[in-house]
Amino acid sequence: MFIGQYEHAIDAKGRLAVPAKFRKAITQGAVITKGLDGCIFVFEAVKWRKMAQGISELPLTRTSARLYARLILAGATDVEFDKQGRIVLPSYLREYAKLKTNAIVVGVYDRVEIWNKSAWVKAIAKVEDRAGEIAEELSDLGV
């Protein structure tokens, strides 16, 4: 399980240190891809395979299924940790998430999200402003 929020630098080569707490939970490799809301998603390889399988089973005739598959699957790449616990963020993912020199690395249960700091501040403020309303909506789903 991934939880917590950390700020890390991105070096000139596009390397980002993943918190040690998160690295320990990623034992069989990881995949990064374009996420929703302008962030980058990081999935454990096992979780990624299940999710990719589910996406591949969506009906090809549905426009939304094709678009979602393109976003998530075409934007994906395997990553490996170097000796310092860093991963390389490809330039197309850095551009997508508007990452330059710093990132916020967030644990969201079964995935890690990598955010541009100002985008994260805006996104979390939006959530905090609507927390009661969101909780009420989700209570209908059994949360």
N, C-alpha and C. Protein backbone atom coordinates (compact mmCIF):
# COMPACT_ATOMS: atom_id res chain seq x y z
N MET A 1 0.85 -1.18 0.00
CA MET A 1 0.00 0.00 0.00
C MET A 1 0.89 1.24 0.00
N PHE A 2 0.55 2.18 -0.85
CA PHE A 2 1.30 3.43 -0.95
C PHE A 2 0.48 4.54 -0.31
N ILE A 3 1.06 5.20 0.67
CA ILE A 3 0.41 6.36 1.29
C ILE A 3 1.48 7.40 1.61
N GLY A 4 1.08 8.64 1.68
CA GLY A 4 1.98 9.72 2.04
C GLY A 4 2.30 10.62 0.87
N GLN A 5 3.01 11.69 1.20
CA GLN A 5 3.34 12.72 0.22
C GLN A 5 4.77 13.21 0.48
N TYR A 6 5.56 13.30 -0.60
CA TYR A 6 6.96 13.67 -0.47
C TYR A 6 7.34 14.61 -1.60
N GLU A 7 8.27 15.50 -1.34
CA GLU A 7 8.77 16.38 -2.38
C GLU A 7 10.20 15.96 -2.72
N HIS A 8 10.47 15.82 -4.02
CA HIS A 8 11.79 15.40 -4.48
C HIS A 8 12.22 16.22 -5.69
N ALA A 9 13.53 16.35 -5.84
CA ALA A 9 14.09 17.08 -6.98
C ALA A 9 14.18 16.15 -8.19
N ILE A 10 14.11 16.77 -9.36
CA ILE A 10 14.35 16.07 -10.62
C ILE A 10 15.66 16.64 -11.16
N ASP A 11 16.61 15.77 -11.45
CA ASP A 11 17.90 16.28 -11.92
C ASP A 11 17.87 16.56 -13.42
N ALA A 12 18.98 17.07 -13.94
CA ALA A 12 19.08 17.47 -15.35
C ALA A 12 18.86 16.31 -16.32
N LYS A 13 19.09 15.07 -15.85
CA LYS A 13 18.89 13.90 -16.70
C LYS A 13 17.47 13.33 -16.59
N GLY A 14 16.60 14.02 -15.84
CA GLY A 14 15.22 13.56 -15.69
C GLY A 14 15.05 12.47 -14.65
N ARG A 15 16.01 12.33 -13.74
CA ARG A 15 15.93 11.30 -12.71
C ARG A 15 15.23 11.85 -11.47
N LEU A 16 14.39 11.01 -10.91
CA LEU A 16 13.62 11.36 -9.71
C LEU A 16 13.82 10.27 -8.68
N ALA A 17 14.17 10.65 -7.46
CA ALA A 17 14.30 9.68 -6.38
C ALA A 17 12.90 9.29 -5.89
N VAL A 18 12.64 8.00 -5.85
CA VAL A 18 11.37 7.49 -5.33
C VAL A 18 11.58 7.23 -3.85
N PRO A 19 10.64 7.67 -3.00
CA PRO A 19 10.82 7.46 -1.56
C PRO A 19 11.10 5.99 -1.23
N ALA A 20 12.03 5.77 -0.30
CA ALA A 20 12.42 4.41 0.08
C ALA A 20 11.21 3.59 0.51
N LYS A 21 10.29 4.21 1.19
CA LYS A 21 9.07 3.53 1.63
C LYS A 21 8.32 2.94 0.43
N PHE A 22 8.27 3.65 -0.67
CA PHE A 22 7.58 3.17 -1.87
C PHE A 22 8.42 2.12 -2.59
N ARG A 23 9.72 2.33 -2.65
CA ARG A 23 10.59 1.36 -3.34
C ARG A 23 10.49 -0.01 -2.70
N LYS A 24 10.39 -0.06 -1.39
CA LYS A 24 10.30 -1.35 -0.69
C LYS A 24 9.06 -2.12 -1.09
N ALA A 25 7.99 -1.42 -1.46
CA ALA A 25 6.74 -2.08 -1.85
C ALA A 25 6.74 -2.50 -3.32
N ILE A 26 7.70 -2.02 -4.09
CA ILE A 26 7.78 -2.36 -5.51
C ILE A 26 8.87 -3.41 -5.67
N THR A 27 8.46 -4.67 -5.61
CA THR A 27 9.43 -5.75 -5.59
C THR A 27 9.61 -6.43 -6.95
N GLN A 28 8.64 -6.27 -7.85
CA GLN A 28 8.71 -6.98 -9.13
C GLN A 28 8.68 -6.03 -10.32
N GLY A 29 9.25 -4.85 -10.15
CA GLY A 29 9.31 -3.89 -11.24
C GLY A 29 8.15 -2.92 -11.22
N ALA A 30 8.27 -1.89 -12.04
CA ALA A 30 7.25 -0.84 -12.09
C ALA A 30 7.06 -0.34 -13.51
N VAL A 31 5.90 0.24 -13.73
CA VAL A 31 5.56 0.85 -15.01
C VAL A 31 5.06 2.26 -14.71
N ILE A 32 5.51 3.23 -15.51
CA ILE A 32 5.00 4.59 -15.37
C ILE A 32 4.26 4.95 -16.64
N THR A 33 3.27 5.82 -16.48
CA THR A 33 2.46 6.21 -17.62
C THR A 33 1.79 7.56 -17.36
N LYS A 34 1.21 8.11 -18.41
CA LYS A 34 0.42 9.32 -18.26
C LYS A 34 -0.76 8.97 -17.36
N GLY A 35 -0.96 9.82 -16.36
CA GLY A 35 -2.07 9.60 -15.45
C GLY A 35 -3.20 10.56 -15.76
N LEU A 36 -4.18 10.54 -14.89
CA LEU A 36 -5.31 11.45 -15.03
C LEU A 36 -5.01 12.74 -14.27
N ASP A 37 -5.66 13.79 -14.65
CA ASP A 37 -5.52 15.10 -14.00
C ASP A 37 -4.14 15.72 -14.17
N GLY A 38 -3.37 15.25 -15.16
CA GLY A 38 -2.08 15.85 -15.45
C GLY A 38 -0.91 15.33 -14.66
N CYS A 39 -1.07 14.21 -13.96
CA CYS A 39 0.05 13.64 -13.20
C CYS A 39 0.57 12.41 -13.93
N ILE A 40 1.61 11.82 -13.39
CA ILE A 40 2.17 10.57 -13.88
C ILE A 40 1.78 9.48 -12.88
N PHE A 41 1.33 8.35 -13.39
CA PHE A 41 1.02 7.20 -12.54
C PHE A 41 2.21 6.26 -12.53
N VAL A 42 2.47 5.66 -11.37
CA VAL A 42 3.47 4.60 -11.22
C VAL A 42 2.74 3.39 -10.64
N PHE A 43 2.82 2.27 -11.34
CA PHE A 43 2.18 1.03 -10.90
C PHE A 43 3.21 -0.06 -10.71
N GLU A 44 3.00 -0.89 -9.69
CA GLU A 44 3.78 -2.11 -9.58
C GLU A 44 3.48 -2.94 -10.83
N ALA A 45 4.44 -3.70 -11.31
CA ALA A 45 4.27 -4.47 -12.54
C ALA A 45 3.08 -5.41 -12.47
N VAL A 46 2.85 -6.05 -11.34
CA VAL A 46 1.74 -6.99 -11.20
C VAL A 46 0.41 -6.25 -11.34
N LYS A 47 0.27 -5.14 -10.67
CA LYS A 47 -0.95 -4.32 -10.76
C LYS A 47 -1.12 -3.82 -12.20
N TRP A 48 -0.02 -3.40 -12.83
CA TRP A 48 -0.08 -2.90 -14.20
C TRP A 48 -0.63 -3.95 -15.15
N ARG A 49 -0.14 -5.18 -15.03
CA ARG A 49 -0.60 -6.24 -15.94
C ARG A 49 -2.11 -6.46 -15.81
N LYS A 50 -2.61 -6.45 -14.58
CA LYS A 50 -4.06 -6.63 -14.37
C LYS A 50 -4.84 -5.47 -14.98
N MET A 51 -4.35 -4.26 -14.74
CA MET A 51 -5.04 -3.09 -15.27
C MET A 51 -5.00 -3.06 -16.79
N ALA A 52 -3.84 -3.34 -17.36
CA ALA A 52 -3.70 -3.34 -18.82
C ALA A 52 -4.60 -4.41 -19.44
N GLN A 53 -4.70 -5.55 -18.80
CA GLN A 53 -5.59 -6.61 -19.28
C GLN A 53 -7.04 -6.11 -19.29
N GLY A 54 -7.44 -5.45 -18.23
CA GLY A 54 -8.79 -4.91 -18.16
C GLY A 54 -9.05 -3.88 -19.26
N ILE A 55 -8.08 -3.02 -19.51
CA ILE A 55 -8.23 -2.02 -20.57
C ILE A 55 -8.32 -2.70 -21.92
N SER A 56 -7.54 -3.75 -22.14
CA SER A 56 -7.56 -4.45 -23.42
C SER A 56 -8.89 -5.14 -23.68
N GLU A 57 -9.65 -5.40 -22.63
CA GLU A 57 -10.94 -6.06 -22.78
C GLU A 57 -12.09 -5.08 -23.00
N LEU A 58 -11.81 -3.79 -22.95
CA LEU A 58 -12.86 -2.80 -23.23
C LEU A 58 -13.24 -2.89 -24.70
N PRO A 59 -14.49 -2.58 -25.03
CA PRO A 59 -14.93 -2.71 -26.42
C PRO A 59 -14.24 -1.71 -27.35
N LEU A 60 -13.63 -2.22 -28.38
CA LEU A 60 -12.93 -1.41 -29.36
C LEU A 60 -13.86 -0.42 -30.05
N THR A 61 -15.12 -0.72 -30.07
CA THR A 61 -16.09 0.14 -30.76
C THR A 61 -16.47 1.38 -29.95
N ARG A 62 -16.07 1.44 -28.68
CA ARG A 62 -16.38 2.60 -27.84
C ARG A 62 -15.25 3.61 -27.93
N THR A 63 -15.59 4.82 -28.34
CA THR A 63 -14.59 5.88 -28.47
C THR A 63 -13.85 6.11 -27.16
N SER A 64 -14.57 6.17 -26.05
CA SER A 64 -13.92 6.43 -24.76
C SER A 64 -12.93 5.33 -24.40
N ALA A 65 -13.23 4.09 -24.76
CA ALA A 65 -12.31 2.97 -24.48
C ALA A 65 -11.03 3.12 -25.29
N ARG A 66 -11.17 3.48 -26.56
CA ARG A 66 -9.98 3.67 -27.40
C ARG A 66 -9.12 4.83 -26.90
N LEU A 67 -9.78 5.93 -26.53
CA LEU A 67 -9.04 7.10 -26.05
C LEU A 67 -8.32 6.80 -24.74
N TYR A 68 -9.00 6.12 -23.83
CA TYR A 68 -8.39 5.79 -22.54
C TYR A 68 -7.21 4.84 -22.73
N ALA A 69 -7.37 3.86 -23.61
CA ALA A 69 -6.27 2.93 -23.89
C ALA A 69 -5.07 3.66 -24.45
N ARG A 70 -5.30 4.61 -25.34
CA ARG A 70 -4.19 5.38 -25.90
C ARG A 70 -3.48 6.18 -24.83
N LEU A 71 -4.24 6.82 -23.95
CA LEU A 71 -3.63 7.61 -22.89
C LEU A 71 -2.78 6.74 -21.97
N ILE A 72 -3.38 5.68 -21.47
CA ILE A 72 -2.72 4.87 -20.44
C ILE A 72 -1.67 3.91 -21.02
N LEU A 73 -2.02 3.20 -22.08
CA LEU A 73 -1.11 2.18 -22.60
C LEU A 73 -0.01 2.74 -23.48
N ALA A 74 -0.35 3.65 -24.39
CA ALA A 74 0.68 4.20 -25.29
C ALA A 74 1.66 5.08 -24.54
N GLY A 75 1.24 5.64 -23.41
CA GLY A 75 2.13 6.50 -22.63
C GLY A 75 2.98 5.77 -21.63
N ALA A 76 2.92 4.45 -21.61
CA ALA A 76 3.57 3.66 -20.57
C ALA A 76 4.99 3.23 -20.94
N THR A 77 5.80 3.06 -19.90
CA THR A 77 7.14 2.51 -20.07
C THR A 77 7.57 1.83 -18.77
N ASP A 78 8.36 0.77 -18.90
CA ASP A 78 8.93 0.11 -17.73
C ASP A 78 10.02 1.00 -17.14
N VAL A 79 10.17 0.94 -15.83
CA VAL A 79 11.25 1.69 -15.18
C VAL A 79 12.00 0.78 -14.22
N GLU A 80 13.26 1.12 -14.03
CA GLU A 80 14.09 0.42 -13.06
C GLU A 80 14.73 1.44 -12.14
N PHE A 81 14.95 1.04 -10.92
CA PHE A 81 15.61 1.91 -9.95
C PHE A 81 17.12 1.81 -10.10
N ASP A 82 17.80 2.95 -10.04
CA ASP A 82 19.25 2.90 -10.02
C ASP A 82 19.71 2.68 -8.58
N LYS A 83 21.01 2.70 -8.34
CA LYS A 83 21.54 2.42 -7.01
C LYS A 83 21.11 3.45 -5.97
N GLN A 84 20.75 4.64 -6.41
CA GLN A 84 20.29 5.69 -5.49
C GLN A 84 18.77 5.71 -5.34
N GLY A 85 18.09 4.74 -5.94
CA GLY A 85 16.64 4.66 -5.82
C GLY A 85 15.90 5.61 -6.74
N ARG A 86 16.55 6.01 -7.83
CA ARG A 86 15.94 6.94 -8.77
C ARG A 86 15.41 6.20 -9.99
N ILE A 87 14.41 6.82 -10.61
CA ILE A 87 13.91 6.35 -11.90
C ILE A 87 14.09 7.50 -12.90
N VAL A 88 14.20 7.15 -14.16
CA VAL A 88 14.28 8.16 -15.21
C VAL A 88 12.87 8.41 -15.73
N LEU A 89 12.49 9.67 -15.68
CA LEU A 89 11.20 10.07 -16.24
C LEU A 89 11.44 10.51 -17.67
N PRO A 90 10.90 9.77 -18.65
CA PRO A 90 11.11 10.17 -20.05
C PRO A 90 10.61 11.59 -20.30
N SER A 91 11.23 12.24 -21.26
CA SER A 91 10.89 13.65 -21.53
C SER A 91 9.41 13.82 -21.87
N TYR A 92 8.80 12.88 -22.60
CA TYR A 92 7.39 13.03 -22.95
C TYR A 92 6.49 13.00 -21.71
N LEU A 93 6.88 12.25 -20.67
CA LEU A 93 6.11 12.23 -19.44
C LEU A 93 6.35 13.49 -18.61
N ARG A 94 7.60 13.96 -18.60
CA ARG A 94 7.89 15.23 -17.90
C ARG A 94 7.11 16.37 -18.53
N GLU A 95 7.07 16.39 -19.86
CA GLU A 95 6.31 17.44 -20.56
C GLU A 95 4.82 17.33 -20.25
N TYR A 96 4.29 16.11 -20.28
CA TYR A 96 2.87 15.89 -20.00
C TYR A 96 2.49 16.42 -18.62
N ALA A 97 3.32 16.12 -17.61
CA ALA A 97 3.02 16.51 -16.24
C ALA A 97 3.61 17.88 -15.87
N LYS A 98 4.24 18.54 -16.84
CA LYS A 98 4.84 19.86 -16.62
C LYS A 98 5.86 19.84 -15.47
N LEU A 99 6.71 18.81 -15.48
CA LEU A 99 7.73 18.65 -14.45
C LEU A 99 9.04 19.26 -14.92
N LYS A 100 9.67 20.03 -14.05
CA LYS A 100 10.95 20.64 -14.39
C LYS A 100 12.01 20.22 -13.37
N THR A 101 12.03 20.87 -12.21
CA THR A 101 13.10 20.60 -11.24
C THR A 101 12.62 19.96 -9.94
N ASN A 102 11.33 20.02 -9.66
CA ASN A 102 10.78 19.42 -8.44
C ASN A 102 9.50 18.68 -8.75
N ALA A 103 9.20 17.71 -7.91
CA ALA A 103 7.96 16.95 -8.06
C ALA A 103 7.43 16.58 -6.68
N ILE A 104 6.13 16.41 -6.63
CA ILE A 104 5.49 15.88 -5.44
C ILE A 104 5.16 14.43 -5.76
N VAL A 105 5.62 13.52 -4.91
CA VAL A 105 5.41 12.09 -5.09
C VAL A 105 4.40 11.66 -4.03
N VAL A 106 3.26 11.13 -4.50
CA VAL A 106 2.13 10.87 -3.62
C VAL A 106 1.74 9.40 -3.69
N GLY A 107 1.53 8.79 -2.54
CA GLY A 107 1.03 7.42 -2.49
C GLY A 107 -0.49 7.43 -2.44
N VAL A 108 -1.12 6.70 -3.36
CA VAL A 108 -2.58 6.65 -3.43
C VAL A 108 -3.01 5.18 -3.46
N TYR A 109 -2.75 4.50 -2.37
CA TYR A 109 -3.07 3.10 -2.10
C TYR A 109 -2.39 2.12 -3.05
N ASP A 110 -2.91 1.96 -4.29
CA ASP A 110 -2.34 0.95 -5.18
C ASP A 110 -1.49 1.55 -6.29
N ARG A 111 -1.23 2.83 -6.21
CA ARG A 111 -0.38 3.49 -7.20
C ARG A 111 0.34 4.66 -6.55
N VAL A 112 1.36 5.12 -7.25
CA VAL A 112 2.07 6.33 -6.87
C VAL A 112 1.77 7.35 -7.95
N GLU A 113 1.57 8.60 -7.56
CA GLU A 113 1.37 9.68 -8.52
C GLU A 113 2.52 10.67 -8.39
N ILE A 114 2.97 11.19 -9.53
CA ILE A 114 4.04 12.18 -9.56
C ILE A 114 3.44 13.46 -10.14
N TRP A 115 3.52 14.53 -9.38
CA TRP A 115 2.85 15.79 -9.72
C TRP A 115 3.82 16.96 -9.83
N ASN A 116 3.50 17.88 -10.70
CA ASN A 116 4.07 19.21 -10.69
C ASN A 116 3.60 19.85 -9.38
N LYS A 117 4.48 20.52 -8.67
CA LYS A 117 4.13 21.04 -7.34
C LYS A 117 2.93 21.99 -7.37
N SER A 118 2.91 22.94 -8.29
CA SER A 118 1.80 23.89 -8.30
C SER A 118 0.50 23.20 -8.71
N ALA A 119 0.57 22.22 -9.62
CA ALA A 119 -0.64 21.48 -10.00
C ALA A 119 -1.17 20.67 -8.82
N TRP A 120 -0.24 20.09 -8.03
CA TRP A 120 -0.65 19.33 -6.84
C TRP A 120 -1.34 20.24 -5.83
N VAL A 121 -0.77 21.39 -5.59
CA VAL A 121 -1.35 22.33 -4.62
C VAL A 121 -2.78 22.70 -5.04
N LYS A 122 -2.97 22.97 -6.32
CA LYS A 122 -4.32 23.30 -6.83
C LYS A 122 -5.26 22.12 -6.72
N ALA A 123 -4.79 20.94 -7.10
CA ALA A 123 -5.64 19.74 -7.08
C ALA A 123 -6.06 19.39 -5.66
N ILE A 124 -5.13 19.43 -4.72
CA ILE A 124 -5.48 19.04 -3.35
C ILE A 124 -6.35 20.11 -2.69
N ALA A 125 -6.16 21.38 -3.05
CA ALA A 125 -7.02 22.44 -2.51
C ALA A 125 -8.46 22.24 -2.99
N LYS A 126 -8.60 21.85 -4.23
CA LYS A 126 -9.93 21.59 -4.80
C LYS A 126 -10.62 20.46 -4.03
N VAL A 127 -9.86 19.40 -3.75
CA VAL A 127 -10.39 18.26 -3.00
C VAL A 127 -10.77 18.69 -1.59
N GLU A 128 -9.88 19.42 -0.94
CA GLU A 128 -10.14 19.84 0.43
C GLU A 128 -11.37 20.74 0.52
N ASP A 129 -11.57 21.60 -0.47
CA ASP A 129 -12.73 22.48 -0.49
C ASP A 129 -14.04 21.70 -0.61
N ARG A 130 -13.98 20.55 -1.25
CA ARG A 130 -15.20 19.75 -1.49
C ARG A 130 -15.23 18.46 -0.68
N ALA A 131 -14.40 18.34 0.35
CA ALA A 131 -14.25 17.07 1.07
C ALA A 131 -15.58 16.51 1.57
N GLY A 132 -16.40 17.32 2.19
CA GLY A 132 -17.68 16.84 2.71
C GLY A 132 -18.59 16.36 1.60
N GLU A 133 -18.67 17.12 0.54
CA GLU A 133 -19.50 16.78 -0.62
C GLU A 133 -19.02 15.47 -1.26
N ILE A 134 -17.71 15.34 -1.42
CA ILE A 134 -17.14 14.12 -2.01
C ILE A 134 -17.44 12.91 -1.14
N ALA A 135 -17.25 13.06 0.16
CA ALA A 135 -17.52 11.95 1.09
C ALA A 135 -18.98 11.52 1.02
N GLU A 136 -19.87 12.49 0.89
CA GLU A 136 -21.30 12.17 0.79
C GLU A 136 -21.59 11.40 -0.51
N GLU A 137 -21.01 11.85 -1.62
CA GLU A 137 -21.21 11.16 -2.90
C GLU A 137 -20.68 9.72 -2.84
N LEU A 138 -19.52 9.55 -2.22
CA LEU A 138 -18.91 8.22 -2.17
C LEU A 138 -19.61 7.30 -1.18
N SER A 139 -20.34 7.86 -0.21
CA SER A 139 -21.06 7.01 0.73
C SER A 139 -22.11 6.18 0.01
N ASP A 140 -22.63 6.69 -1.10
CA ASP A 140 -23.57 5.93 -1.92
C ASP A 140 -22.92 4.69 -2.55
N LEU A 141 -21.60 4.70 -2.65
CA LEU A 141 -20.87 3.57 -3.23
C LEU A 141 -20.35 2.62 -2.16
N GLY A 142 -20.70 2.91 -0.90
CA GLY A 142 -20.29 2.02 0.18
C GLY A 142 -18.94 2.38 0.79
N VAL A 143 -18.44 3.57 0.49
CA VAL A 143 -17.14 3.99 1.04
C VAL A 143 -17.36 4.70 2.36
